[in-house]
């Protein structure tokens, strides 16, 4: 693949580890960005929201979501989503992946076959 894959996630996340292994087994180069240590630009978060949508991007079932204060869960505009992701980056479903053309959230091998192969 000519375009490098960009993956955003958390190193100790089982799903992210499966995704990294899947790419490596198929010899697909990827650049990993750790959500716990990387500063996310507003423009990147906006791009995620535009391409995958709020419902796919935010994990409302995870531990991070349960720990967030009620006022931070009021997501009535784009700025609120940006603020949420910057303040609590682990609320993002993982991994978020860009293959050079398309954005994807989560690891689904069947979809990834179509996306990468």
PDB file of N, CA and C in Angstrom:
ATOM      1  N   UNK A   1       0.847  -1.179   0.000  1.00  0.00           N
ATOM      2  CA  UNK A   1       0.000   0.000   0.000  1.00  0.00           C
ATOM      3  C   UNK A   1       0.883   1.230   0.000  1.00  0.00           C
ATOM      4  N   UNK A   2       0.601   2.171  -0.854  1.00  0.00           N
ATOM      5  CA  UNK A   2       1.465   3.334  -0.987  1.00  0.00           C
ATOM      6  C   UNK A   2       1.255   4.355   0.124  1.00  0.00           C
ATOM      7  N   UNK A   3       0.016   4.607   0.513  1.00  0.00           N
ATOM      8  CA  UNK A   3      -0.250   5.581   1.572  1.00  0.00           C
ATOM      9  C   UNK A   3      -0.106   4.889   2.917  1.00  0.00           C
ATOM     10  N   UNK A   4       0.557   5.548   3.828  1.00  0.00           N
ATOM     11  CA  UNK A   4       0.733   4.978   5.153  1.00  0.00           C
ATOM     12  C   UNK A   4      -0.565   5.085   5.934  1.00  0.00           C
ATOM     13  N   UNK A   5      -0.832   4.074   6.719  1.00  0.00           N
ATOM     14  CA  UNK A   5      -2.010   4.032   7.562  1.00  0.00           C
ATOM     15  C   UNK A   5      -1.697   4.760   8.863  1.00  0.00           C
ATOM     16  N   UNK A   6      -2.654   5.567   9.309  1.00  0.00           N
ATOM     17  CA  UNK A   6      -2.529   6.278  10.582  1.00  0.00           C
ATOM     18  C   UNK A   6      -3.560   5.702  11.537  1.00  0.00           C
ATOM     19  N   UNK A   7      -3.076   5.224  12.691  1.00  0.00           N
ATOM     20  CA  UNK A   7      -3.954   4.603  13.671  1.00  0.00           C
ATOM     21  C   UNK A   7      -3.858   5.348  15.000  1.00  0.00           C
ATOM     22  N   UNK A   8      -5.019   5.672  15.553  1.00  0.00           N
ATOM     23  CA  UNK A   8      -5.108   6.350  16.837  1.00  0.00           C
ATOM     24  C   UNK A   8      -5.771   5.400  17.816  1.00  0.00           C
ATOM     25  N   UNK A   9      -5.130   5.214  18.966  1.00  0.00           N
ATOM     26  CA  UNK A   9      -5.679   4.297  19.953  1.00  0.00           C
ATOM     27  C   UNK A   9      -4.887   4.348  21.238  1.00  0.00           C
ATOM     28  N   UNK A  10      -4.989   3.286  21.999  1.00  0.00           N
ATOM     29  CA  UNK A  10      -4.275   3.154  23.272  1.00  0.00           C
ATOM     30  C   UNK A  10      -3.517   1.833  23.204  1.00  0.00           C
ATOM     31  N   UNK A  11      -2.248   1.875  23.535  1.00  0.00           N
ATOM     32  CA  UNK A  11      -1.389   0.703  23.370  1.00  0.00           C
ATOM     33  C   UNK A  11      -1.874  -0.527  24.130  1.00  0.00           C
ATOM     34  N   UNK A  12      -2.469  -0.348  25.304  1.00  0.00           N
ATOM     35  CA  UNK A  12      -2.873  -1.513  26.091  1.00  0.00           C
ATOM     36  C   UNK A  12      -4.308  -1.957  25.819  1.00  0.00           C
ATOM     37  N   UNK A  13      -4.931  -1.414  24.795  1.00  0.00           N
ATOM     38  CA  UNK A  13      -6.288  -1.800  24.409  1.00  0.00           C
ATOM     39  C   UNK A  13      -6.223  -3.080  23.575  1.00  0.00           C
ATOM     40  N   UNK A  14      -6.976  -4.102  23.963  1.00  0.00           N
ATOM     41  CA  UNK A  14      -6.959  -5.379  23.249  1.00  0.00           C
ATOM     42  C   UNK A  14      -7.355  -5.221  21.783  1.00  0.00           C
ATOM     43  N   UNK A  15      -8.366  -4.407  21.513  1.00  0.00           N
ATOM     44  CA  UNK A  15      -8.819  -4.218  20.135  1.00  0.00           C
ATOM     45  C   UNK A  15      -7.737  -3.553  19.295  1.00  0.00           C
ATOM     46  N   UNK A  16      -7.050  -2.584  19.859  1.00  0.00           N
ATOM     47  CA  UNK A  16      -5.965  -1.913  19.149  1.00  0.00           C
ATOM     48  C   UNK A  16      -4.832  -2.894  18.870  1.00  0.00           C
ATOM     49  N   UNK A  17      -4.500  -3.714  19.842  1.00  0.00           N
ATOM     50  CA  UNK A  17      -3.443  -4.713  19.630  1.00  0.00           C
ATOM     51  C   UNK A  17      -3.814  -5.690  18.514  1.00  0.00           C
ATOM     52  N   UNK A  18      -5.076  -6.106  18.453  1.00  0.00           N
ATOM     53  CA  UNK A  18      -5.536  -6.984  17.366  1.00  0.00           C
ATOM     54  C   UNK A  18      -5.412  -6.273  16.023  1.00  0.00           C
ATOM     55  N   UNK A  19      -5.771  -4.998  15.992  1.00  0.00           N
ATOM     56  CA  UNK A  19      -5.698  -4.234  14.747  1.00  0.00           C
ATOM     57  C   UNK A  19      -4.251  -4.073  14.287  1.00  0.00           C
ATOM     58  N   UNK A  20      -3.359  -3.778  15.207  1.00  0.00           N
ATOM     59  CA  UNK A  20      -1.936  -3.643  14.873  1.00  0.00           C
ATOM     60  C   UNK A  20      -1.400  -4.966  14.333  1.00  0.00           C
ATOM     61  N   UNK A  21      -1.759  -6.061  14.977  1.00  0.00           N
ATOM     62  CA  UNK A  21      -1.314  -7.389  14.539  1.00  0.00           C
ATOM     63  C   UNK A  21      -1.876  -7.712  13.151  1.00  0.00           C
ATOM     64  N   UNK A  22      -3.142  -7.377  12.898  1.00  0.00           N
ATOM     65  CA  UNK A  22      -3.775  -7.621  11.603  1.00  0.00           C
ATOM     66  C   UNK A  22      -3.017  -6.892  10.504  1.00  0.00           C
ATOM     67  N   UNK A  23      -2.689  -5.618  10.736  1.00  0.00           N
ATOM     68  CA  UNK A  23      -1.935  -4.838   9.740  1.00  0.00           C
ATOM     69  C   UNK A  23      -0.544  -5.439   9.521  1.00  0.00           C
ATOM     70  N   UNK A  24       0.133  -5.799  10.602  1.00  0.00           N
ATOM     71  CA  UNK A  24       1.495  -6.344  10.501  1.00  0.00           C
ATOM     72  C   UNK A  24       1.494  -7.666   9.733  1.00  0.00           C
ATOM     73  N   UNK A  25       0.510  -8.522   9.975  1.00  0.00           N
ATOM     74  CA  UNK A  25       0.430  -9.807   9.271  1.00  0.00           C
ATOM     75  C   UNK A  25       0.258  -9.619   7.765  1.00  0.00           C
ATOM     76  N   UNK A  26      -0.301  -8.500   7.369  1.00  0.00           N
ATOM     77  CA  UNK A  26      -0.522  -8.216   5.948  1.00  0.00           C
ATOM     78  C   UNK A  26       0.521  -7.248   5.386  1.00  0.00           C
ATOM     79  N   UNK A  27       1.545  -6.999   6.201  1.00  0.00           N
ATOM     80  CA  UNK A  27       2.660  -6.125   5.830  1.00  0.00           C
ATOM     81  C   UNK A  27       2.192  -4.746   5.377  1.00  0.00           C
ATOM     82  N   UNK A  28       1.228  -4.201   6.121  1.00  0.00           N
ATOM     83  CA  UNK A  28       0.723  -2.857   5.861  1.00  0.00           C
ATOM     84  C   UNK A  28       1.384  -1.920   6.858  1.00  0.00           C
ATOM     85  N   UNK A  29       2.142  -0.960   6.355  1.00  0.00           N
ATOM     86  CA  UNK A  29       2.822   0.002   7.216  1.00  0.00           C
ATOM     87  C   UNK A  29       1.797   0.889   7.906  1.00  0.00           C
ATOM     88  N   UNK A  30       2.062   1.182   9.172  1.00  0.00           N
ATOM     89  CA  UNK A  30       1.159   2.068   9.900  1.00  0.00           C
ATOM     90  C   UNK A  30       1.940   2.917  10.892  1.00  0.00           C
ATOM     91  N   UNK A  31       1.376   4.072  11.146  1.00  0.00           N
ATOM     92  CA  UNK A  31       1.917   4.989  12.146  1.00  0.00           C
ATOM     93  C   UNK A  31       0.915   5.013  13.292  1.00  0.00           C
ATOM     94  N   UNK A  32       1.372   4.718  14.515  1.00  0.00           N
ATOM     95  CA  UNK A  32       0.488   4.661  15.677  1.00  0.00           C
ATOM     96  C   UNK A  32       0.601   5.941  16.493  1.00  0.00           C
ATOM     97  N   UNK A  33      -0.545   6.435  16.916  1.00  0.00           N
ATOM     98  CA  UNK A  33      -0.628   7.623  17.772  1.00  0.00           C
ATOM     99  C   UNK A  33      -1.390   7.232  19.033  1.00  0.00           C
ATOM    100  N   UNK A  34      -0.747   7.385  20.174  1.00  0.00           N
ATOM    101  CA  UNK A  34      -1.359   7.009  21.443  1.00  0.00           C
ATOM    102  C   UNK A  34      -2.228   8.158  21.950  1.00  0.00           C
ATOM    103  N   UNK A  35      -3.508   7.881  22.117  1.00  0.00           N
ATOM    104  CA  UNK A  35      -4.443   8.911  22.564  1.00  0.00           C
ATOM    105  C   UNK A  35      -4.111   9.434  23.960  1.00  0.00           C
ATOM    106  N   UNK A  36      -3.410   8.643  24.752  1.00  0.00           N
ATOM    107  CA  UNK A  36      -3.059   9.081  26.106  1.00  0.00           C
ATOM    108  C   UNK A  36      -1.895  10.064  26.112  1.00  0.00           C
ATOM    109  N   UNK A  37      -1.076  10.046  25.061  1.00  0.00           N
ATOM    110  CA  UNK A  37       0.122  10.890  25.080  1.00  0.00           C
ATOM    111  C   UNK A  37       0.160  11.936  23.969  1.00  0.00           C
ATOM    112  N   UNK A  38      -0.607  11.747  22.909  1.00  0.00           N
ATOM    113  CA  UNK A  38      -0.598  12.672  21.775  1.00  0.00           C
ATOM    114  C   UNK A  38      -1.605  13.792  21.993  1.00  0.00           C
ATOM    115  N   UNK A  39      -1.210  15.010  21.723  1.00  0.00           N
ATOM    116  CA  UNK A  39      -2.119  16.151  21.751  1.00  0.00           C
ATOM    117  C   UNK A  39      -2.898  16.151  20.440  1.00  0.00           C
ATOM    118  N   UNK A  40      -4.213  16.072  20.534  1.00  0.00           N
ATOM    119  CA  UNK A  40      -5.045  16.038  19.334  1.00  0.00           C
ATOM    120  C   UNK A  40      -5.420  17.451  18.912  1.00  0.00           C
ATOM    121  N   UNK A  41      -5.218  17.750  17.646  1.00  0.00           N
ATOM    122  CA  UNK A  41      -5.577  19.056  17.101  1.00  0.00           C
ATOM    123  C   UNK A  41      -7.087  19.125  16.900  1.00  0.00           C
ATOM    124  N   UNK A  42      -7.645  20.303  17.109  1.00  0.00           N
ATOM    125  CA  UNK A  42      -9.082  20.503  16.894  1.00  0.00           C
ATOM    126  C   UNK A  42      -9.479  20.062  15.491  1.00  0.00           C
ATOM    127  N   UNK A  43      -8.656  20.392  14.500  1.00  0.00           N
ATOM    128  CA  UNK A  43      -8.959  20.060  13.104  1.00  0.00           C
ATOM    129  C   UNK A  43      -9.072  18.552  12.891  1.00  0.00           C
ATOM    130  N   UNK A  44      -8.245  17.778  13.593  1.00  0.00           N
ATOM    131  CA  UNK A  44      -8.304  16.323  13.475  1.00  0.00           C
ATOM    132  C   UNK A  44      -9.613  15.798  14.056  1.00  0.00           C
ATOM    133  N   UNK A  45      -9.998  16.290  15.206  1.00  0.00           N
ATOM    134  CA  UNK A  45     -11.246  15.860  15.836  1.00  0.00           C
ATOM    135  C   UNK A  45     -12.437  16.232  14.956  1.00  0.00           C
ATOM    136  N   UNK A  46     -12.407  17.416  14.359  1.00  0.00           N
ATOM    137  CA  UNK A  46     -13.473  17.846  13.441  1.00  0.00           C
ATOM    138  C   UNK A  46     -13.536  16.900  12.248  1.00  0.00           C
ATOM    139  N   UNK A  47     -12.381  16.516  11.732  1.00  0.00           N
ATOM    140  CA  UNK A  47     -12.346  15.586  10.600  1.00  0.00           C
ATOM    141  C   UNK A  47     -12.973  14.253  10.996  1.00  0.00           C
ATOM    142  N   UNK A  48     -12.639  13.747  12.186  1.00  0.00           N
ATOM    143  CA  UNK A  48     -13.248  12.510  12.668  1.00  0.00           C
ATOM    144  C   UNK A  48     -14.767  12.660  12.737  1.00  0.00           C
ATOM    145  N   UNK A  49     -15.219  13.752  13.338  1.00  0.00           N
ATOM    146  CA  UNK A  49     -16.663  13.978  13.476  1.00  0.00           C
ATOM    147  C   UNK A  49     -17.343  14.047  12.116  1.00  0.00           C
ATOM    148  N   UNK A  50     -16.705  14.731  11.159  1.00  0.00           N
ATOM    149  CA  UNK A  50     -17.274  14.870   9.821  1.00  0.00           C
ATOM    150  C   UNK A  50     -17.345  13.540   9.078  1.00  0.00           C
ATOM    151  N   UNK A  51     -16.330  12.697   9.252  1.00  0.00           N
ATOM    152  CA  UNK A  51     -16.237  11.471   8.458  1.00  0.00           C
ATOM    153  C   UNK A  51     -16.853  10.239   9.103  1.00  0.00           C
ATOM    154  N   UNK A  52     -16.834  10.156  10.421  1.00  0.00           N
ATOM    155  CA  UNK A  52     -17.409   8.959  11.063  1.00  0.00           C
ATOM    156  C   UNK A  52     -18.632   9.279  11.904  1.00  0.00           C
ATOM    157  N   UNK A  53     -18.797  10.518  12.308  1.00  0.00           N
ATOM    158  CA  UNK A  53     -19.961  10.912  13.094  1.00  0.00           C
ATOM    159  C   UNK A  53     -19.759  10.750  14.587  1.00  0.00           C
ATOM    160  N   UNK A  54     -20.549  11.507  15.322  1.00  0.00           N
ATOM    161  CA  UNK A  54     -20.442  11.523  16.782  1.00  0.00           C
ATOM    162  C   UNK A  54     -20.771  10.170  17.402  1.00  0.00           C
ATOM    163  N   UNK A  55     -21.808   9.518  16.880  1.00  0.00           N
ATOM    164  CA  UNK A  55     -22.249   8.262  17.484  1.00  0.00           C
ATOM    165  C   UNK A  55     -21.213   7.155  17.354  1.00  0.00           C
ATOM    166  N   UNK A  56     -20.495   7.117  16.246  1.00  0.00           N
ATOM    167  CA  UNK A  56     -19.449   6.102  16.066  1.00  0.00           C
ATOM    168  C   UNK A  56     -18.182   6.465  16.827  1.00  0.00           C
ATOM    169  N   UNK A  57     -17.904   7.753  16.956  1.00  0.00           N
ATOM    170  CA  UNK A  57     -16.639   8.182  17.546  1.00  0.00           C
ATOM    171  C   UNK A  57     -16.607   8.062  19.070  1.00  0.00           C
ATOM    172  N   UNK A  58     -17.705   8.394  19.731  1.00  0.00           N
ATOM    173  CA  UNK A  58     -17.730   8.441  21.191  1.00  0.00           C
ATOM    174  C   UNK A  58     -18.237   7.114  21.753  1.00  0.00           C
ATOM    175  N   UNK A  59     -17.467   6.547  22.677  1.00  0.00           N
ATOM    176  CA  UNK A  59     -17.834   5.287  23.328  1.00  0.00           C
ATOM    177  C   UNK A  59     -18.634   5.607  24.591  1.00  0.00           C
ATOM    178  N   UNK A  60     -19.940   5.505  24.472  1.00  0.00           N
ATOM    179  CA  UNK A  60     -20.819   5.809  25.598  1.00  0.00           C
ATOM    180  C   UNK A  60     -21.061   4.598  26.504  1.00  0.00           C
ATOM    181  N   UNK A  61     -20.389   3.500  26.236  1.00  0.00           N
ATOM    182  CA  UNK A  61     -20.540   2.290  27.057  1.00  0.00           C
ATOM    183  C   UNK A  61     -19.316   2.013  27.927  1.00  0.00           C
ATOM    184  N   UNK A  62     -18.250   2.743  27.697  1.00  0.00           N
ATOM    185  CA  UNK A  62     -16.998   2.452  28.388  1.00  0.00           C
ATOM    186  C   UNK A  62     -16.877   3.082  29.758  1.00  0.00           C
ATOM    187  N   UNK A  63     -15.826   2.683  30.441  1.00  0.00           N
ATOM    188  CA  UNK A  63     -15.535   3.177  31.784  1.00  0.00           C
ATOM    189  C   UNK A  63     -15.284   4.679  31.787  1.00  0.00           C
ATOM    190  N   UNK A  64     -14.598   5.174  30.777  1.00  0.00           N
ATOM    191  CA  UNK A  64     -14.313   6.616  30.728  1.00  0.00           C
ATOM    192  C   UNK A  64     -15.613   7.403  30.725  1.00  0.00           C
ATOM    193  N   UNK A  65     -16.575   7.010  29.888  1.00  0.00           N
ATOM    194  CA  UNK A  65     -17.851   7.728  29.800  1.00  0.00           C
ATOM    195  C   UNK A  65     -18.561   7.757  31.152  1.00  0.00           C
ATOM    196  N   UNK A  66     -18.530   6.646  31.863  1.00  0.00           N
ATOM    197  CA  UNK A  66     -19.215   6.572  33.165  1.00  0.00           C
ATOM    198  C   UNK A  66     -18.577   7.498  34.193  1.00  0.00           C
ATOM    199  N   UNK A  67     -17.300   7.786  34.036  1.00  0.00           N
ATOM    200  CA  UNK A  67     -16.598   8.638  34.994  1.00  0.00           C
ATOM    201  C   UNK A  67     -16.693  10.137  34.676  1.00  0.00           C
ATOM    202  N   UNK A  68     -17.177  10.474  33.489  1.00  0.00           N
ATOM    203  CA  UNK A  68     -17.231  11.875  33.072  1.00  0.00           C
ATOM    204  C   UNK A  68     -18.356  12.592  33.804  1.00  0.00           C
ATOM    205  N   UNK A  69     -18.074  13.826  34.231  1.00  0.00           N
ATOM    206  CA  UNK A  69     -19.075  14.649  34.899  1.00  0.00           C
ATOM    207  C   UNK A  69     -20.250  14.922  33.969  1.00  0.00           C
ATOM    208  N   UNK A  70     -21.435  15.060  34.541  1.00  0.00           N
ATOM    209  CA  UNK A  70     -22.660  15.262  33.762  1.00  0.00           C
ATOM    210  C   UNK A  70     -22.565  16.473  32.845  1.00  0.00           C
ATOM    211  N   UNK A  71     -21.982  17.569  33.321  1.00  0.00           N
ATOM    212  CA  UNK A  71     -21.907  18.777  32.485  1.00  0.00           C
ATOM    213  C   UNK A  71     -21.008  18.577  31.261  1.00  0.00           C
ATOM    214  N   UNK A  72     -20.012  17.701  31.369  1.00  0.00           N
ATOM    215  CA  UNK A  72     -19.142  17.411  30.218  1.00  0.00           C
ATOM    216  C   UNK A  72     -19.822  16.494  29.209  1.00  0.00           C
ATOM    217  N   UNK A  73     -20.920  15.842  29.623  1.00  0.00           N
ATOM    218  CA  UNK A  73     -21.652  14.951  28.724  1.00  0.00           C
ATOM    219  C   UNK A  73     -22.705  15.684  27.894  1.00  0.00           C
ATOM    220  N   UNK A  74     -22.859  16.974  28.114  1.00  0.00           N
ATOM    221  CA  UNK A  74     -23.804  17.759  27.324  1.00  0.00           C
ATOM    222  C   UNK A  74     -23.119  18.089  25.999  1.00  0.00           C
ATOM    223  N   UNK A  75     -23.514  17.378  24.960  1.00  0.00           N
ATOM    224  CA  UNK A  75     -22.844  17.467  23.666  1.00  0.00           C
ATOM    225  C   UNK A  75     -23.816  18.031  22.629  1.00  0.00           C
ATOM    226  N   UNK A  76     -24.022  19.330  22.705  1.00  0.00           N
ATOM    227  CA  UNK A  76     -25.018  19.956  21.842  1.00  0.00           C
ATOM    228  C   UNK A  76     -24.431  20.750  20.683  1.00  0.00           C
ATOM    229  N   UNK A  77     -23.096  20.724  20.531  1.00  0.00           N
ATOM    230  CA  UNK A  77     -22.471  21.387  19.390  1.00  0.00           C
ATOM    231  C   UNK A  77     -21.062  20.804  19.174  1.00  0.00           C
ATOM    232  N   UNK A  78     -20.472  21.185  18.058  1.00  0.00           N
ATOM    233  CA  UNK A  78     -19.160  20.651  17.688  1.00  0.00           C
ATOM    234  C   UNK A  78     -18.093  21.002  18.729  1.00  0.00           C
ATOM    235  N   UNK A  79     -18.148  22.189  19.268  1.00  0.00           N
ATOM    236  CA  UNK A  79     -17.160  22.601  20.274  1.00  0.00           C
ATOM    237  C   UNK A  79     -17.222  21.714  21.510  1.00  0.00           C
ATOM    238  N   UNK A  80     -18.423  21.274  21.881  1.00  0.00           N
ATOM    239  CA  UNK A  80     -18.570  20.398  23.042  1.00  0.00           C
ATOM    240  C   UNK A  80     -17.902  19.049  22.788  1.00  0.00           C
ATOM    241  N   UNK A  81     -18.043  18.523  21.569  1.00  0.00           N
ATOM    242  CA  UNK A  81     -17.387  17.263  21.227  1.00  0.00           C
ATOM    243  C   UNK A  81     -15.872  17.417  21.227  1.00  0.00           C
ATOM    244  N   UNK A  82     -15.387  18.500  20.668  1.00  0.00           N
ATOM    245  CA  UNK A  82     -13.940  18.751  20.651  1.00  0.00           C
ATOM    246  C   UNK A  82     -13.414  18.821  22.072  1.00  0.00           C
ATOM    247  N   UNK A  83     -14.104  19.571  22.919  1.00  0.00           N
ATOM    248  CA  UNK A  83     -13.690  19.713  24.312  1.00  0.00           C
ATOM    249  C   UNK A  83     -13.690  18.367  25.026  1.00  0.00           C
ATOM    250  N   UNK A  84     -14.725  17.557  24.793  1.00  0.00           N
ATOM    251  CA  UNK A  84     -14.819  16.239  25.424  1.00  0.00           C
ATOM    252  C   UNK A  84     -13.638  15.358  25.025  1.00  0.00           C
ATOM    253  N   UNK A  85     -13.358  15.281  23.731  1.00  0.00           N
ATOM    254  CA  UNK A  85     -12.283  14.408  23.249  1.00  0.00           C
ATOM    255  C   UNK A  85     -10.923  14.899  23.738  1.00  0.00           C
ATOM    256  N   UNK A  86     -10.732  16.204  23.793  1.00  0.00           N
ATOM    257  CA  UNK A  86      -9.442  16.722  24.270  1.00  0.00           C
ATOM    258  C   UNK A  86      -9.260  16.484  25.769  1.00  0.00           C
ATOM    259  N   UNK A  87     -10.344  16.626  26.520  1.00  0.00           N
ATOM    260  CA  UNK A  87     -10.275  16.451  27.970  1.00  0.00           C
ATOM    261  C   UNK A  87     -10.223  14.975  28.367  1.00  0.00           C
ATOM    262  N   UNK A  88     -10.955  14.137  27.627  1.00  0.00           N
ATOM    263  CA  UNK A  88     -11.046  12.697  27.915  1.00  0.00           C
ATOM    264  C   UNK A  88     -10.772  11.897  26.635  1.00  0.00           C
ATOM    265  N   UNK A  89      -9.546  11.853  26.159  1.00  0.00           N
ATOM    266  CA  UNK A  89      -9.272  11.189  24.876  1.00  0.00           C
ATOM    267  C   UNK A  89      -9.605   9.700  24.867  1.00  0.00           C
ATOM    268  N   UNK A  90      -9.654   9.067  26.024  1.00  0.00           N
ATOM    269  CA  UNK A  90      -9.958   7.639  26.047  1.00  0.00           C
ATOM    270  C   UNK A  90     -11.455   7.364  25.877  1.00  0.00           C
ATOM    271  N   UNK A  91     -12.263   8.409  25.719  1.00  0.00           N
ATOM    272  CA  UNK A  91     -13.689   8.228  25.434  1.00  0.00           C
ATOM    273  C   UNK A  91     -13.909   7.871  23.960  1.00  0.00           C
ATOM    274  N   UNK A  92     -12.873   8.007  23.156  1.00  0.00           N
ATOM    275  CA  UNK A  92     -12.953   7.700  21.725  1.00  0.00           C
ATOM    276  C   UNK A  92     -12.942   6.187  21.530  1.00  0.00           C
ATOM    277  N   UNK A  93     -13.859   5.697  20.683  1.00  0.00           N
ATOM    278  CA  UNK A  93     -13.841   4.281  20.325  1.00  0.00           C
ATOM    279  C   UNK A  93     -12.547   4.008  19.572  1.00  0.00           C
ATOM    280  N   UNK A  94     -12.021   2.805  19.758  1.00  0.00           N
ATOM    281  CA  UNK A  94     -10.705   2.514  19.206  1.00  0.00           C
ATOM    282  C   UNK A  94     -10.714   1.243  18.364  1.00  0.00           C
ATOM    283  N   UNK A  95      -9.765   1.240  17.431  1.00  0.00           N
ATOM    284  CA  UNK A  95      -8.902   2.330  16.960  1.00  0.00           C
ATOM    285  C   UNK A  95      -9.630   3.215  15.947  1.00  0.00           C
ATOM    286  N   UNK A  96      -9.137   4.432  15.823  1.00  0.00           N
ATOM    287  CA  UNK A  96      -9.548   5.322  14.734  1.00  0.00           C
ATOM    288  C   UNK A  96      -8.440   5.217  13.699  1.00  0.00           C
ATOM    289  N   UNK A  97      -8.811   4.880  12.460  1.00  0.00           N
ATOM    290  CA  UNK A  97      -7.811   4.571  11.441  1.00  0.00           C
ATOM    291  C   UNK A  97      -8.105   5.331  10.153  1.00  0.00           C
ATOM    292  N   UNK A  98      -7.017   5.833   9.544  1.00  0.00           N
ATOM    293  CA  UNK A  98      -7.105   6.476   8.234  1.00  0.00           C
ATOM    294  C   UNK A  98      -6.212   5.709   7.276  1.00  0.00           C
ATOM    295  N   UNK A  99      -6.769   5.269   6.155  1.00  0.00           N
ATOM    296  CA  UNK A  99      -6.000   4.455   5.205  1.00  0.00           C
ATOM    297  C   UNK A  99      -5.477   5.267   4.017  1.00  0.00           C
ATOM    298  N   UNK A 100      -5.563   6.581   4.103  1.00  0.00           N
ATOM    299  CA  UNK A 100      -5.145   7.425   2.994  1.00  0.00           C
ATOM    300  C   UNK A 100      -6.317   7.987   2.225  1.00  0.00           C
ATOM    301  N   UNK A 101      -7.476   7.338   2.363  1.00  0.00           N
ATOM    302  CA  UNK A 101      -8.700   7.786   1.693  1.00  0.00           C
ATOM    303  C   UNK A 101      -9.884   7.859   2.649  1.00  0.00           C
ATOM    304  N   UNK A 102      -9.998   6.860   3.526  1.00  0.00           N
ATOM    305  CA  UNK A 102     -11.181   6.726   4.366  1.00  0.00           C
ATOM    306  C   UNK A 102     -10.816   6.620   5.837  1.00  0.00           C
ATOM    307  N   UNK A 103     -11.739   7.081   6.689  1.00  0.00           N
ATOM    308  CA  UNK A 103     -11.630   6.933   8.137  1.00  0.00           C
ATOM    309  C   UNK A 103     -12.489   5.754   8.573  1.00  0.00           C
ATOM    310  N   UNK A 104     -12.022   5.076   9.606  1.00  0.00           N
ATOM    311  CA  UNK A 104     -12.734   3.932  10.165  1.00  0.00           C
ATOM    312  C   UNK A 104     -12.592   3.976  11.688  1.00  0.00           C
ATOM    313  N   UNK A 105     -13.619   3.493  12.378  1.00  0.00           N
ATOM    314  CA  UNK A 105     -13.570   3.407  13.842  1.00  0.00           C
ATOM    315  C   UNK A 105     -13.869   1.974  14.242  1.00  0.00           C
ATOM    316  N   UNK A 106     -13.048   1.443  15.125  1.00  0.00           N
ATOM    317  CA  UNK A 106     -13.206   0.067  15.566  1.00  0.00           C
ATOM    318  C   UNK A 106     -12.453  -0.877  14.644  1.00  0.00           C
ATOM    319  N   UNK A 107     -12.326  -2.103  15.095  1.00  0.00           N
ATOM    320  CA  UNK A 107     -11.629  -3.120  14.301  1.00  0.00           C
ATOM    321  C   UNK A 107     -12.613  -4.201  13.900  1.00  0.00           C
ATOM    322  N   UNK A 108     -12.907  -4.246  12.620  1.00  0.00           N
ATOM    323  CA  UNK A 108     -13.793  -5.260  12.049  1.00  0.00           C
ATOM    324  C   UNK A 108     -13.054  -5.860  10.857  1.00  0.00           C
ATOM    325  N   UNK A 109     -12.481  -7.049  11.022  1.00  0.00           N
ATOM    326  CA  UNK A 109     -11.653  -7.640   9.965  1.00  0.00           C
ATOM    327  C   UNK A 109     -12.320  -7.681   8.593  1.00  0.00           C
ATOM    328  N   UNK A 110     -13.616  -7.992   8.531  1.00  0.00           N
ATOM    329  CA  UNK A 110     -14.290  -8.053   7.227  1.00  0.00           C
ATOM    330  C   UNK A 110     -14.283  -6.692   6.539  1.00  0.00           C
ATOM    331  N   UNK A 111     -14.570  -5.634   7.293  1.00  0.00           N
ATOM    332  CA  UNK A 111     -14.551  -4.284   6.722  1.00  0.00           C
ATOM    333  C   UNK A 111     -13.131  -3.878   6.358  1.00  0.00           C
ATOM    334  N   UNK A 112     -12.176  -4.276   7.173  1.00  0.00           N
ATOM    335  CA  UNK A 112     -10.787  -3.917   6.901  1.00  0.00           C
ATOM    336  C   UNK A 112     -10.271  -4.616   5.652  1.00  0.00           C
ATOM    337  N   UNK A 113     -10.749  -5.828   5.354  1.00  0.00           N
ATOM    338  CA  UNK A 113     -10.356  -6.489   4.111  1.00  0.00           C
ATOM    339  C   UNK A 113     -10.732  -5.613   2.934  1.00  0.00           C
ATOM    340  N   UNK A 114     -11.935  -5.053   2.949  1.00  0.00           N
ATOM    341  CA  UNK A 114     -12.376  -4.167   1.867  1.00  0.00           C
ATOM    342  C   UNK A 114     -11.611  -2.848   1.861  1.00  0.00           C
ATOM    343  N   UNK A 115     -11.280  -2.370   3.039  1.00  0.00           N
ATOM    344  CA  UNK A 115     -10.640  -1.064   3.164  1.00  0.00           C
ATOM    345  C   UNK A 115      -9.154  -1.085   2.795  1.00  0.00           C
ATOM    346  N   UNK A 116      -8.480  -2.179   3.108  1.00  0.00           N
ATOM    347  CA  UNK A 116      -7.027  -2.221   2.940  1.00  0.00           C
ATOM    348  C   UNK A 116      -6.533  -3.150   1.835  1.00  0.00           C
ATOM    349  N   UNK A 117      -7.299  -4.158   1.492  1.00  0.00           N
ATOM    350  CA  UNK A 117      -6.796  -5.163   0.547  1.00  0.00           C
ATOM    351  C   UNK A 117      -7.460  -5.049  -0.803  1.00  0.00           C
TER     352      UNK A 117
END
